[in-house]
Amino acid sequence: AAASELFYENGINTVGIDRIIEHAGVAKASLYDCFGSKEELVRAYLQERGEARRARVNERLAQFADPVDQILAVFDL
């Protein structure tokens, strides 16, 4: 969650591991035990954001039966 906040607000490339662990209040070893590397943490962050976005789109699409309305709903979203 801490990495998500920082990555979203500041960008992935500008946020270092030390800043993430400080924001999260965890030990560096804990972060590396969970993710292994910053690259894996970034991968998990992007995967979570992608899944959340797909869920929002699918939820919106389910509201419409007409394909044209579905396409327009994606753009509205």
PDB file of N, CA and C in Angstrom:
ATOM      1  N   ALA A   1       0.832  -1.196   0.000  1.00  0.00           N
ATOM      2  CA  ALA A   1       0.000   0.000   0.000  1.00  0.00           C
ATOM      3  C   ALA A   1       0.877   1.261   0.000  1.00  0.00           C
ATOM      4  N   ALA A   2       1.948   1.221   0.777  1.00  0.00           N
ATOM      5  CA  ALA A   2       2.841   2.384   0.831  1.00  0.00           C
ATOM      6  C   ALA A   2       3.484   2.631  -0.529  1.00  0.00           C
ATOM      7  N   ALA A   3       3.939   1.567  -1.163  1.00  0.00           N
ATOM      8  CA  ALA A   3       4.545   1.707  -2.489  1.00  0.00           C
ATOM      9  C   ALA A   3       3.524   2.226  -3.492  1.00  0.00           C
ATOM     10  N   SER A   4       2.302   1.724  -3.424  1.00  0.00           N
ATOM     11  CA  SER A   4       1.256   2.184  -4.337  1.00  0.00           C
ATOM     12  C   SER A   4       1.037   3.677  -4.202  1.00  0.00           C
ATOM     13  N   GLU A   5       0.928   4.164  -2.981  1.00  0.00           N
ATOM     14  CA  GLU A   5       0.746   5.603  -2.753  1.00  0.00           C
ATOM     15  C   GLU A   5       1.892   6.400  -3.340  1.00  0.00           C
ATOM     16  N   LEU A   6       3.111   5.977  -3.016  1.00  0.00           N
ATOM     17  CA  LEU A   6       4.287   6.729  -3.467  1.00  0.00           C
ATOM     18  C   LEU A   6       4.478   6.647  -4.972  1.00  0.00           C
ATOM     19  N   PHE A   7       4.312   5.460  -5.548  1.00  0.00           N
ATOM     20  CA  PHE A   7       4.464   5.311  -6.992  1.00  0.00           C
ATOM     21  C   PHE A   7       3.437   6.150  -7.727  1.00  0.00           C
ATOM     22  N   TYR A   8       2.198   6.123  -7.248  1.00  0.00           N
ATOM     23  CA  TYR A   8       1.131   6.873  -7.917  1.00  0.00           C
ATOM     24  C   TYR A   8       1.385   8.381  -7.825  1.00  0.00           C
ATOM     25  N   GLU A   9       1.788   8.848  -6.644  1.00  0.00           N
ATOM     26  CA  GLU A   9       1.975  10.282  -6.432  1.00  0.00           C
ATOM     27  C   GLU A   9       3.247  10.826  -7.072  1.00  0.00           C
ATOM     28  N   ASN A  10       4.323  10.021  -7.079  1.00  0.00           N
ATOM     29  CA  ASN A  10       5.634  10.541  -7.460  1.00  0.00           C
ATOM     30  C   ASN A  10       6.270   9.874  -8.674  1.00  0.00           C
ATOM     31  N   GLY A  11       5.721   8.770  -9.113  1.00  0.00           N
ATOM     32  CA  GLY A  11       6.302   8.033 -10.236  1.00  0.00           C
ATOM     33  C   GLY A  11       7.226   6.926  -9.760  1.00  0.00           C
ATOM     34  N   ILE A  12       7.228   5.855 -10.494  1.00  0.00           N
ATOM     35  CA  ILE A  12       7.993   4.670 -10.120  1.00  0.00           C
ATOM     36  C   ILE A  12       9.489   4.959 -10.077  1.00  0.00           C
ATOM     37  N   ASN A  13       9.985   5.689 -11.053  1.00  0.00           N
ATOM     38  CA  ASN A  13      11.429   5.908 -11.152  1.00  0.00           C
ATOM     39  C   ASN A  13      11.987   6.836 -10.083  1.00  0.00           C
ATOM     40  N   THR A  14      11.146   7.666  -9.481  1.00  0.00           N
ATOM     41  CA  THR A  14      11.658   8.629  -8.502  1.00  0.00           C
ATOM     42  C   THR A  14      11.562   8.132  -7.062  1.00  0.00           C
ATOM     43  N   VAL A  15      10.907   6.989  -6.856  1.00  0.00           N
ATOM     44  CA  VAL A  15      10.719   6.474  -5.498  1.00  0.00           C
ATOM     45  C   VAL A  15      11.674   5.309  -5.274  1.00  0.00           C
ATOM     46  N   GLY A  16      12.520   5.450  -4.256  1.00  0.00           N
ATOM     47  CA  GLY A  16      13.464   4.393  -3.926  1.00  0.00           C
ATOM     48  C   GLY A  16      12.949   3.495  -2.810  1.00  0.00           C
ATOM     49  N   ILE A  17      13.632   2.386  -2.657  1.00  0.00           N
ATOM     50  CA  ILE A  17      13.268   1.405  -1.632  1.00  0.00           C
ATOM     51  C   ILE A  17      13.304   2.026  -0.240  1.00  0.00           C
ATOM     52  N   ASP A  18      14.307   2.827   0.051  1.00  0.00           N
ATOM     53  CA  ASP A  18      14.410   3.427   1.388  1.00  0.00           C
ATOM     54  C   ASP A  18      13.197   4.299   1.700  1.00  0.00           C
ATOM     55  N   ARG A  19      12.730   5.023   0.727  1.00  0.00           N
ATOM     56  CA  ARG A  19      11.545   5.865   0.934  1.00  0.00           C
ATOM     57  C   ARG A  19      10.294   5.008   1.162  1.00  0.00           C
ATOM     58  N   ILE A  20      10.194   3.907   0.450  1.00  0.00           N
ATOM     59  CA  ILE A  20       9.043   3.011   0.613  1.00  0.00           C
ATOM     60  C   ILE A  20       9.030   2.394   2.001  1.00  0.00           C
ATOM     61  N   ILE A  21      10.169   1.889   2.447  1.00  0.00           N
ATOM     62  CA  ILE A  21      10.181   1.238   3.766  1.00  0.00           C
ATOM     63  C   ILE A  21       9.946   2.247   4.887  1.00  0.00           C
ATOM     64  N   GLU A  22      10.423   3.471   4.692  1.00  0.00           N
ATOM     65  CA  GLU A  22      10.164   4.515   5.690  1.00  0.00           C
ATOM     66  C   GLU A  22       8.667   4.827   5.747  1.00  0.00           C
ATOM     67  N   HIS A  23       8.059   4.966   4.585  1.00  0.00           N
ATOM     68  CA  HIS A  23       6.626   5.278   4.502  1.00  0.00           C
ATOM     69  C   HIS A  23       5.783   4.130   5.066  1.00  0.00           C
ATOM     70  N   ALA A  24       6.224   2.905   4.828  1.00  0.00           N
ATOM     71  CA  ALA A  24       5.476   1.729   5.287  1.00  0.00           C
ATOM     72  C   ALA A  24       5.759   1.396   6.744  1.00  0.00           C
ATOM     73  N   GLY A  25       6.884   1.864   7.248  1.00  0.00           N
ATOM     74  CA  GLY A  25       7.258   1.545   8.621  1.00  0.00           C
ATOM     75  C   GLY A  25       7.670   0.098   8.798  1.00  0.00           C
ATOM     76  N   VAL A  26       8.345  -0.452   7.785  1.00  0.00           N
ATOM     77  CA  VAL A  26       8.820  -1.838   7.851  1.00  0.00           C
ATOM     78  C   VAL A  26      10.323  -1.881   7.655  1.00  0.00           C
ATOM     79  N   ALA A  27      10.887  -3.013   7.983  1.00  0.00           N
ATOM     80  CA  ALA A  27      12.327  -3.209   7.781  1.00  0.00           C
ATOM     81  C   ALA A  27      12.608  -3.541   6.322  1.00  0.00           C
ATOM     82  N   LYS A  28      13.782  -3.168   5.865  1.00  0.00           N
ATOM     83  CA  LYS A  28      14.176  -3.466   4.487  1.00  0.00           C
ATOM     84  C   LYS A  28      14.120  -4.963   4.222  1.00  0.00           C
ATOM     85  N   ALA A  29      14.526  -5.762   5.211  1.00  0.00           N
ATOM     86  CA  ALA A  29      14.488  -7.217   5.041  1.00  0.00           C
ATOM     87  C   ALA A  29      13.062  -7.718   4.812  1.00  0.00           C
ATOM     88  N   SER A  30      12.093  -7.102   5.468  1.00  0.00           N
ATOM     89  CA  SER A  30      10.687  -7.501   5.284  1.00  0.00           C
ATOM     90  C   SER A  30      10.231  -7.249   3.855  1.00  0.00           C
ATOM     91  N   LEU A  31      10.602  -6.092   3.320  1.00  0.00           N
ATOM     92  CA  LEU A  31      10.227  -5.787   1.941  1.00  0.00           C
ATOM     93  C   LEU A  31      10.846  -6.790   0.980  1.00  0.00           C
ATOM     94  N   TYR A  32      12.141  -7.078   1.180  1.00  0.00           N
ATOM     95  CA  TYR A  32      12.810  -8.011   0.285  1.00  0.00           C
ATOM     96  C   TYR A  32      12.324  -9.442   0.480  1.00  0.00           C
ATOM     97  N   ASP A  33      11.897  -9.801   1.687  1.00  0.00           N
ATOM     98  CA  ASP A  33      11.309 -11.128   1.902  1.00  0.00           C
ATOM     99  C   ASP A  33      10.015 -11.275   1.122  1.00  0.00           C
ATOM    100  N   CYS A  34       9.234 -10.206   1.058  1.00  0.00           N
ATOM    101  CA  CYS A  34       7.940 -10.257   0.361  1.00  0.00           C
ATOM    102  C   CYS A  34       8.085 -10.143  -1.147  1.00  0.00           C
ATOM    103  N   PHE A  35       8.976  -9.290  -1.613  1.00  0.00           N
ATOM    104  CA  PHE A  35       9.033  -8.987  -3.043  1.00  0.00           C
ATOM    105  C   PHE A  35      10.345  -9.373  -3.725  1.00  0.00           C
ATOM    106  N   GLY A  36      11.418  -9.464  -2.992  1.00  0.00           N
ATOM    107  CA  GLY A  36      12.688  -9.873  -3.581  1.00  0.00           C
ATOM    108  C   GLY A  36      13.510  -8.746  -4.181  1.00  0.00           C
ATOM    109  N   SER A  37      12.850  -7.782  -4.799  1.00  0.00           N
ATOM    110  CA  SER A  37      13.558  -6.669  -5.439  1.00  0.00           C
ATOM    111  C   SER A  37      12.563  -5.545  -5.719  1.00  0.00           C
ATOM    112  N   LYS A  38      13.099  -4.380  -6.053  1.00  0.00           N
ATOM    113  CA  LYS A  38      12.217  -3.273  -6.420  1.00  0.00           C
ATOM    114  C   LYS A  38      11.459  -3.623  -7.693  1.00  0.00           C
ATOM    115  N   GLU A  39      12.120  -4.320  -8.606  1.00  0.00           N
ATOM    116  CA  GLU A  39      11.464  -4.696  -9.852  1.00  0.00           C
ATOM    117  C   GLU A  39      10.234  -5.557  -9.596  1.00  0.00           C
ATOM    118  N   GLU A  40      10.324  -6.483  -8.656  1.00  0.00           N
ATOM    119  CA  GLU A  40       9.179  -7.332  -8.324  1.00  0.00           C
ATOM    120  C   GLU A  40       8.085  -6.536  -7.616  1.00  0.00           C
ATOM    121  N   LEU A  41       8.486  -5.580  -6.808  1.00  0.00           N
ATOM    122  CA  LEU A  41       7.517  -4.701  -6.154  1.00  0.00           C
ATOM    123  C   LEU A  41       6.772  -3.870  -7.204  1.00  0.00           C
ATOM    124  N   VAL A  42       7.492  -3.356  -8.179  1.00  0.00           N
ATOM    125  CA  VAL A  42       6.883  -2.594  -9.269  1.00  0.00           C
ATOM    126  C   VAL A  42       5.942  -3.490 -10.064  1.00  0.00           C
ATOM    127  N   ARG A  43       6.376  -4.721 -10.342  1.00  0.00           N
ATOM    128  CA  ARG A  43       5.525  -5.656 -11.074  1.00  0.00           C
ATOM    129  C   ARG A  43       4.220  -5.900 -10.323  1.00  0.00           C
ATOM    130  N   ALA A  44       4.312  -6.115  -9.002  1.00  0.00           N
ATOM    131  CA  ALA A  44       3.117  -6.341  -8.185  1.00  0.00           C
ATOM    132  C   ALA A  44       2.219  -5.108  -8.187  1.00  0.00           C
ATOM    133  N   TYR A  45       2.811  -3.929  -8.107  1.00  0.00           N
ATOM    134  CA  TYR A  45       2.058  -2.673  -8.147  1.00  0.00           C
ATOM    135  C   TYR A  45       1.301  -2.543  -9.463  1.00  0.00           C
ATOM    136  N   LEU A  46       2.001  -2.769 -10.574  1.00  0.00           N
ATOM    137  CA  LEU A  46       1.372  -2.629 -11.879  1.00  0.00           C
ATOM    138  C   LEU A  46       0.298  -3.693 -12.099  1.00  0.00           C
ATOM    139  N   GLN A  47       0.542  -4.897 -11.619  1.00  0.00           N
ATOM    140  CA  GLN A  47      -0.447  -5.962 -11.737  1.00  0.00           C
ATOM    141  C   GLN A  47      -1.715  -5.597 -10.962  1.00  0.00           C
ATOM    142  N   GLU A  48      -1.542  -5.092  -9.745  1.00  0.00           N
ATOM    143  CA  GLU A  48      -2.694  -4.695  -8.925  1.00  0.00           C
ATOM    144  C   GLU A  48      -3.486  -3.574  -9.593  1.00  0.00           C
ATOM    145  N   ARG A  49      -2.791  -2.575 -10.121  1.00  0.00           N
ATOM    146  CA  ARG A  49      -3.476  -1.465 -10.802  1.00  0.00           C
ATOM    147  C   ARG A  49      -4.196  -1.946 -12.050  1.00  0.00           C
ATOM    148  N   GLY A  50      -3.564  -2.860 -12.786  1.00  0.00           N
ATOM    149  CA  GLY A  50      -4.194  -3.399 -13.986  1.00  0.00           C
ATOM    150  C   GLY A  50      -5.455  -4.185 -13.660  1.00  0.00           C
ATOM    151  N   GLU A  51      -5.383  -4.996 -12.613  1.00  0.00           N
ATOM    152  CA  GLU A  51      -6.554  -5.773 -12.201  1.00  0.00           C
ATOM    153  C   GLU A  51      -7.685  -4.867 -11.735  1.00  0.00           C
ATOM    154  N   ALA A  52      -7.355  -3.823 -11.002  1.00  0.00           N
ATOM    155  CA  ALA A  52      -8.370  -2.883 -10.533  1.00  0.00           C
ATOM    156  C   ALA A  52      -9.019  -2.164 -11.714  1.00  0.00           C
ATOM    157  N   ARG A  53      -8.218  -1.788 -12.684  1.00  0.00           N
ATOM    158  CA  ARG A  53      -8.750  -1.100 -13.874  1.00  0.00           C
ATOM    159  C   ARG A  53      -9.665  -2.034 -14.664  1.00  0.00           C
ATOM    160  N   ARG A  54      -9.228  -3.282 -14.865  1.00  0.00           N
ATOM    161  CA  ARG A  54     -10.066  -4.245 -15.583  1.00  0.00           C
ATOM    162  C   ARG A  54     -11.387  -4.471 -14.853  1.00  0.00           C
ATOM    163  N   ALA A  55     -11.336  -4.540 -13.536  1.00  0.00           N
ATOM    164  CA  ALA A  55     -12.559  -4.735 -12.751  1.00  0.00           C
ATOM    165  C   ALA A  55     -13.513  -3.559 -12.936  1.00  0.00           C
ATOM    166  N   ARG A  56     -12.981  -2.328 -12.919  1.00  0.00           N
ATOM    167  CA  ARG A  56     -13.834  -1.148 -13.135  1.00  0.00           C
ATOM    168  C   ARG A  56     -14.466  -1.162 -14.525  1.00  0.00           C
ATOM    169  N   VAL A  57     -13.678  -1.521 -15.531  1.00  0.00           N
ATOM    170  CA  VAL A  57     -14.193  -1.566 -16.898  1.00  0.00           C
ATOM    171  C   VAL A  57     -15.258  -2.655 -17.015  1.00  0.00           C
ATOM    172  N   ASN A  58     -14.984  -3.837 -16.486  1.00  0.00           N
ATOM    173  CA  ASN A  58     -15.959  -4.927 -16.568  1.00  0.00           C
ATOM    174  C   ASN A  58     -17.249  -4.595 -15.830  1.00  0.00           C
ATOM    175  N   GLU A  59     -17.127  -3.934 -14.700  1.00  0.00           N
ATOM    176  CA  GLU A  59     -18.311  -3.520 -13.946  1.00  0.00           C
ATOM    177  C   GLU A  59     -19.152  -2.553 -14.777  1.00  0.00           C
ATOM    178  N   ARG A  60     -18.493  -1.627 -15.428  1.00  0.00           N
ATOM    179  CA  ARG A  60     -19.203  -0.652 -16.260  1.00  0.00           C
ATOM    180  C   ARG A  60     -19.837  -1.334 -17.469  1.00  0.00           C
ATOM    181  N   LEU A  61     -19.099  -2.253 -18.108  1.00  0.00           N
ATOM    182  CA  LEU A  61     -19.627  -2.933 -19.283  1.00  0.00           C
ATOM    183  C   LEU A  61     -20.867  -3.755 -18.952  1.00  0.00           C
ATOM    184  N   ALA A  62     -20.899  -4.321 -17.763  1.00  0.00           N
ATOM    185  CA  ALA A  62     -22.023  -5.153 -17.350  1.00  0.00           C
ATOM    186  C   ALA A  62     -23.323  -4.364 -17.245  1.00  0.00           C
ATOM    187  N   GLN A  63     -23.235  -3.060 -17.193  1.00  0.00           N
ATOM    188  CA  GLN A  63     -24.421  -2.220 -17.074  1.00  0.00           C
ATOM    189  C   GLN A  63     -25.148  -2.037 -18.402  1.00  0.00           C
ATOM    190  N   PHE A  64     -24.518  -2.451 -19.506  1.00  0.00           N
ATOM    191  CA  PHE A  64     -25.087  -2.215 -20.834  1.00  0.00           C
ATOM    192  C   PHE A  64     -25.116  -3.499 -21.645  1.00  0.00           C
ATOM    193  N   ALA A  65     -26.199  -3.700 -22.357  1.00  0.00           N
ATOM    194  CA  ALA A  65     -26.321  -4.878 -23.222  1.00  0.00           C
ATOM    195  C   ALA A  65     -25.870  -4.567 -24.649  1.00  0.00           C
ATOM    196  N   ASP A  66     -26.112  -3.348 -25.077  1.00  0.00           N
ATOM    197  CA  ASP A  66     -25.777  -2.950 -26.441  1.00  0.00           C
ATOM    198  C   ASP A  66     -24.268  -2.706 -26.574  1.00  0.00           C
ATOM    199  N   PRO A  67     -23.626  -3.346 -27.563  1.00  0.00           N
ATOM    200  CA  PRO A  67     -22.172  -3.169 -27.739  1.00  0.00           C
ATOM    201  C   PRO A  67     -21.741  -1.720 -27.952  1.00  0.00           C
ATOM    202  N   VAL A  68     -22.540  -0.947 -28.645  1.00  0.00           N
ATOM    203  CA  VAL A  68     -22.204   0.464 -28.861  1.00  0.00           C
ATOM    204  C   VAL A  68     -22.202   1.209 -27.530  1.00  0.00           C
ATOM    205  N   ASP A  69     -23.210   0.945 -26.706  1.00  0.00           N
ATOM    206  CA  ASP A  69     -23.252   1.564 -25.377  1.00  0.00           C
ATOM    207  C   ASP A  69     -22.069   1.136 -24.523  1.00  0.00           C
ATOM    208  N   GLN A  70     -21.652  -0.112 -24.686  1.00  0.00           N
ATOM    209  CA  GLN A  70     -20.492  -0.596 -23.929  1.00  0.00           C
ATOM    210  C   GLN A  70     -19.227   0.151 -24.336  1.00  0.00           C
ATOM    211  N   ILE A  71     -19.048   0.327 -25.627  1.00  0.00           N
ATOM    212  CA  ILE A  71     -17.855   1.049 -26.106  1.00  0.00           C
ATOM    213  C   ILE A  71     -17.864   2.479 -25.595  1.00  0.00           C
ATOM    214  N   LEU A  72     -19.011   3.125 -25.693  1.00  0.00           N
ATOM    215  CA  LEU A  72     -19.111   4.508 -25.214  1.00  0.00           C
ATOM    216  C   LEU A  72     -18.885   4.582 -23.696  1.00  0.00           C
ATOM    217  N   ALA A  73     -19.345   3.571 -22.977  1.00  0.00           N
ATOM    218  CA  ALA A  73     -19.172   3.539 -21.528  1.00  0.00           C
ATOM    219  C   ALA A  73     -17.696   3.459 -21.152  1.00  0.00           C
ATOM    220  N   VAL A  74     -16.909   2.735 -21.930  1.00  0.00           N
ATOM    221  CA  VAL A  74     -15.465   2.646 -21.665  1.00  0.00           C
ATOM    222  C   VAL A  74     -14.835   4.025 -21.796  1.00  0.00           C
ATOM    223  N   PHE A  75     -15.218   4.759 -22.828  1.00  0.00           N
ATOM    224  CA  PHE A  75     -14.658   6.102 -23.008  1.00  0.00           C
ATOM    225  C   PHE A  75     -15.135   7.049 -21.917  1.00  0.00           C
ATOM    226  N   ASP A  76     -16.379   6.897 -21.486  1.00  0.00           N
ATOM    227  CA  ASP A  76     -16.884   7.720 -20.397  1.00  0.00           C
ATOM    228  C   ASP A  76     -16.151   7.430 -19.091  1.00  0.00           C
ATOM    229  N   LEU A  77     -15.806   6.186 -18.922  1.00  0.00           N
ATOM    230  CA  LEU A  77     -15.118   5.792 -17.699  1.00  0.00           C
ATOM    231  C   LEU A  77     -13.747   6.421 -17.633  1.00  0.00           C
TER     232      LEU A  77
END
